[in-house]
C-alpha atoms as a PDB file:
ATOM      1  CA  UNK A   1       0.000   0.000   0.000  1.00  0.00           C
ATOM      2  CA  UNK A   2       2.774   2.421   0.944  1.00  0.00           C
ATOM      3  CA  UNK A   3       4.785   1.636  -2.195  1.00  0.00           C
ATOM      4  CA  UNK A   4       1.711   2.305  -4.351  1.00  0.00           C
ATOM      5  CA  UNK A   5       1.300   5.730  -2.738  1.00  0.00           C
ATOM      6  CA  UNK A   6       4.987   6.472  -3.271  1.00  0.00           C
ATOM      7  CA  UNK A   7       4.738   5.488  -6.959  1.00  0.00           C
ATOM      8  CA  UNK A   8       1.601   7.618  -7.397  1.00  0.00           C
ATOM      9  CA  UNK A   9       3.304  10.665  -5.852  1.00  0.00           C
ATOM     10  CA  UNK A  10       6.411  10.114  -7.958  1.00  0.00           C
ATOM     11  CA  UNK A  11       4.369   9.911 -11.173  1.00  0.00           C
ATOM     12  CA  UNK A  12       2.407  13.016 -10.189  1.00  0.00           C
ATOM     13  CA  UNK A  13       5.604  14.975  -9.539  1.00  0.00           C
ATOM     14  CA  UNK A  14       7.153  13.827 -12.823  1.00  0.00           C
ATOM     15  CA  UNK A  15       4.133  14.992 -14.799  1.00  0.00           C
ATOM     16  CA  UNK A  16       3.827  18.354 -13.023  1.00  0.00           C
ATOM     17  CA  UNK A  17       7.531  19.286 -12.954  1.00  0.00           C
ATOM     18  CA  UNK A  18       7.973  19.774 -16.726  1.00  0.00           C
ATOM     19  CA  UNK A  19       4.904  22.043 -16.857  1.00  0.00           C
ATOM     20  CA  UNK A  20       6.294  24.133 -14.004  1.00  0.00           C
ATOM     21  CA  UNK A  21       9.663  24.505 -15.758  1.00  0.00           C
ATOM     22  CA  UNK A  22       8.032  25.448 -19.078  1.00  0.00           C
ATOM     23  CA  UNK A  23       5.929  28.112 -17.360  1.00  0.00           C
ATOM     24  CA  UNK A  24       8.984  30.018 -16.111  1.00  0.00           C
ATOM     25  CA  UNK A  25      10.099  33.146 -17.931  1.00  0.00           C
ATOM     26  CA  UNK A  26      13.383  32.499 -19.743  1.00  0.00           C
ATOM     27  CA  UNK A  27      16.154  34.886 -20.721  1.00  0.00           C
ATOM     28  CA  UNK A  28      18.926  33.889 -23.141  1.00  0.00           C
ATOM     29  CA  UNK A  29      22.487  35.133 -22.651  1.00  0.00           C
ATOM     30  CA  UNK A  30      25.081  34.180 -25.264  1.00  0.00           C
ATOM     31  CA  UNK A  31      28.824  33.846 -24.720  1.00  0.00           C
ATOM     32  CA  UNK A  32      30.969  34.874 -27.715  1.00  0.00           C
ATOM     33  CA  UNK A  33      34.628  35.871 -27.612  1.00  0.00           C
ATOM     34  CA  UNK A  34      34.609  35.649 -23.803  1.00  0.00           C
ATOM     35  CA  UNK A  35      31.851  38.294 -23.604  1.00  0.00           C
ATOM     36  CA  UNK A  36      28.175  38.091 -22.593  1.00  0.00           C
ATOM     37  CA  UNK A  37      25.529  39.177 -25.122  1.00  0.00           C
ATOM     38  CA  UNK A  38      23.554  41.037 -23.986  1.00  0.00           C
ATOM     39  CA  UNK A  39      25.706  42.184 -21.069  1.00  0.00           C
ATOM     40  CA  UNK A  40      22.601  43.305 -19.163  1.00  0.00           C
ATOM     41  CA  UNK A  41      19.240  41.556 -18.971  1.00  0.00           C
ATOM     42  CA  UNK A  42      16.012  42.731 -17.360  1.00  0.00           C
ATOM     43  CA  UNK A  43      13.811  40.250 -15.510  1.00  0.00           C
ATOM     44  CA  UNK A  44      10.615  40.664 -13.471  1.00  0.00           C
ATOM     45  CA  UNK A  45      10.728  41.150  -9.723  1.00  0.00           C
ATOM     46  CA  UNK A  46       9.259  38.512  -7.441  1.00  0.00           C
ATOM     47  CA  UNK A  47       9.265  35.752 -10.092  1.00  0.00           C
ATOM     48  CA  UNK A  48      11.481  32.737 -10.603  1.00  0.00           C
ATOM     49  CA  UNK A  49      13.349  33.054 -13.919  1.00  0.00           C
ATOM     50  CA  UNK A  50      15.434  30.684 -16.017  1.00  0.00           C
ATOM     51  CA  UNK A  51      18.681  32.205 -17.320  1.00  0.00           C
ATOM     52  CA  UNK A  52      19.979  30.140 -20.232  1.00  0.00           C
ATOM     53  CA  UNK A  53      23.600  30.636 -21.256  1.00  0.00           C
ATOM     54  CA  UNK A  54      24.651  29.554 -24.751  1.00  0.00           C
ATOM     55  CA  UNK A  55      28.423  29.283 -25.082  1.00  0.00           C
ATOM     56  CA  UNK A  56      29.524  29.721 -28.703  1.00  0.00           C
ATOM     57  CA  UNK A  57      33.208  29.650 -27.712  1.00  0.00           C
ATOM     58  CA  UNK A  58      35.207  26.414 -27.917  1.00  0.00           C
ATOM     59  CA  UNK A  59      36.371  26.838 -24.310  1.00  0.00           C
ATOM     60  CA  UNK A  60      34.306  26.548 -21.117  1.00  0.00           C
ATOM     61  CA  UNK A  61      33.185  29.478 -18.996  1.00  0.00           C
ATOM     62  CA  UNK A  62      32.136  29.388 -15.362  1.00  0.00           C
ATOM     63  CA  UNK A  63      29.233  31.702 -14.608  1.00  0.00           C
ATOM     64  CA  UNK A  64      29.729  33.089 -11.124  1.00  0.00           C
ATOM     65  CA  UNK A  65      27.610  35.495  -9.088  1.00  0.00           C
ATOM     66  CA  UNK A  66      27.985  36.324  -5.431  1.00  0.00           C
ATOM     67  CA  UNK A  67      24.869  38.522  -5.621  1.00  0.00           C
ATOM     68  CA  UNK A  68      22.744  35.700  -7.066  1.00  0.00           C
ATOM     69  CA  UNK A  69      24.525  32.987  -5.061  1.00  0.00           C
ATOM     70  CA  UNK A  70      25.007  30.884  -8.211  1.00  0.00           C
ATOM     71  CA  UNK A  71      27.837  29.324 -10.173  1.00  0.00           C
ATOM     72  CA  UNK A  72      27.799  26.964 -13.123  1.00  0.00           C
ATOM     73  CA  UNK A  73      30.261  25.792 -15.739  1.00  0.00           C
ATOM     74  CA  UNK A  74      29.039  26.093 -19.325  1.00  0.00           C
ATOM     75  CA  UNK A  75      31.239  23.916 -21.515  1.00  0.00           C
ATOM     76  CA  UNK A  76      32.421  25.072 -24.936  1.00  0.00           C
ATOM     77  CA  UNK A  77      29.832  24.965 -27.718  1.00  0.00           C
ATOM     78  CA  UNK A  78      27.043  24.037 -25.309  1.00  0.00           C
ATOM     79  CA  UNK A  79      24.345  25.538 -23.159  1.00  0.00           C
ATOM     80  CA  UNK A  80      23.295  25.496 -19.546  1.00  0.00           C
ATOM     81  CA  UNK A  81      20.711  27.138 -17.321  1.00  0.00           C
ATOM     82  CA  UNK A  82      20.507  28.572 -13.855  1.00  0.00           C
ATOM     83  CA  UNK A  83      17.344  29.490 -12.019  1.00  0.00           C
ATOM     84  CA  UNK A  84      17.147  32.720 -10.044  1.00  0.00           C
ATOM     85  CA  UNK A  85      14.499  34.379  -7.935  1.00  0.00           C
ATOM     86  CA  UNK A  86      12.128  35.401  -6.868  1.00  0.00           C
ATOM     87  CA  UNK A  87      14.274  38.531  -6.495  1.00  0.00           C
ATOM     88  CA  UNK A  88      13.648  42.022  -5.182  1.00  0.00           C
ATOM     89  CA  UNK A  89      14.148  44.954  -7.571  1.00  0.00           C
ATOM     90  CA  UNK A  90      17.806  45.820  -7.971  1.00  0.00           C
ATOM     91  CA  UNK A  91      20.939  44.953  -9.896  1.00  0.00           C
ATOM     92  CA  UNK A  92      22.754  41.630  -9.550  1.00  0.00           C
ATOM     93  CA  UNK A  93      26.180  41.255 -11.157  1.00  0.00           C
ATOM     94  CA  UNK A  94      27.644  38.061 -12.609  1.00  0.00           C
ATOM     95  CA  UNK A  95      30.924  37.273 -14.333  1.00  0.00           C
ATOM     96  CA  UNK A  96      32.839  34.556 -16.114  1.00  0.00           C
ATOM     97  CA  UNK A  97      35.362  33.199 -13.649  1.00  0.00           C
ATOM     98  CA  UNK A  98      37.710  32.079 -16.436  1.00  0.00           C
ATOM     99  CA  UNK A  99      37.627  35.589 -18.043  1.00  0.00           C
ATOM    100  CA  UNK A 100      36.668  37.985 -15.202  1.00  0.00           C
ATOM    101  CA  UNK A 101      37.944  41.119 -16.954  1.00  0.00           C
ATOM    102  CA  UNK A 102      35.911  40.678 -20.136  1.00  0.00           C
ATOM    103  CA  UNK A 103      33.009  38.362 -19.299  1.00  0.00           C
ATOM    104  CA  UNK A 104      30.907  40.598 -17.056  1.00  0.00           C
ATOM    105  CA  UNK A 105      27.156  40.978 -16.920  1.00  0.00           C
ATOM    106  CA  UNK A 106      24.252  42.177 -14.876  1.00  0.00           C
ATOM    107  CA  UNK A 107      20.717  41.030 -14.115  1.00  0.00           C
ATOM    108  CA  UNK A 108      18.449  44.031 -13.605  1.00  0.00           C
ATOM    109  CA  UNK A 109      15.296  43.190 -11.687  1.00  0.00           C
ATOM    110  CA  UNK A 110      12.323  45.517 -12.156  1.00  0.00           C
ATOM    111  CA  UNK A 111       8.649  45.398 -11.214  1.00  0.00           C
ATOM    112  CA  UNK A 112       6.444  44.048 -14.028  1.00  0.00           C
ATOM    113  CA  UNK A 113       4.991  47.511 -14.623  1.00  0.00           C
ATOM    114  CA  UNK A 114       8.410  48.764 -15.799  1.00  0.00           C
ATOM    115  CA  UNK A 115       8.505  46.772 -19.045  1.00  0.00           C
ATOM    116  CA  UNK A 116      10.148  43.531 -18.016  1.00  0.00           C
ATOM    117  CA  UNK A 117       9.583  40.142 -19.638  1.00  0.00           C
ATOM    118  CA  UNK A 118       6.458  38.310 -18.560  1.00  0.00           C
END
């Protein structure tokens, strides 16, 4: 009986999780020539957001942010995502640990009424 309940809950979570992930706002940041494009992105306040990094360089880059409390290696010619938020309005810097002088960026968090993504 207990194992049936566990299986039911597991199946329920597996079917709901992909819908939850798809419903998140997503922002794309590309890495080219050890630079972030765009270097600044605007996201909505008080919402969880998926930041997807696409690395067009042949070498890896480690996304690092003390303000966002996140770090992730994005291998060369690949992509990876980090999830941030919900965040209060403000500016949150991030950088590429392997190229900290050139690979710098910023997440700008604004209330929805100020023209952010939905």
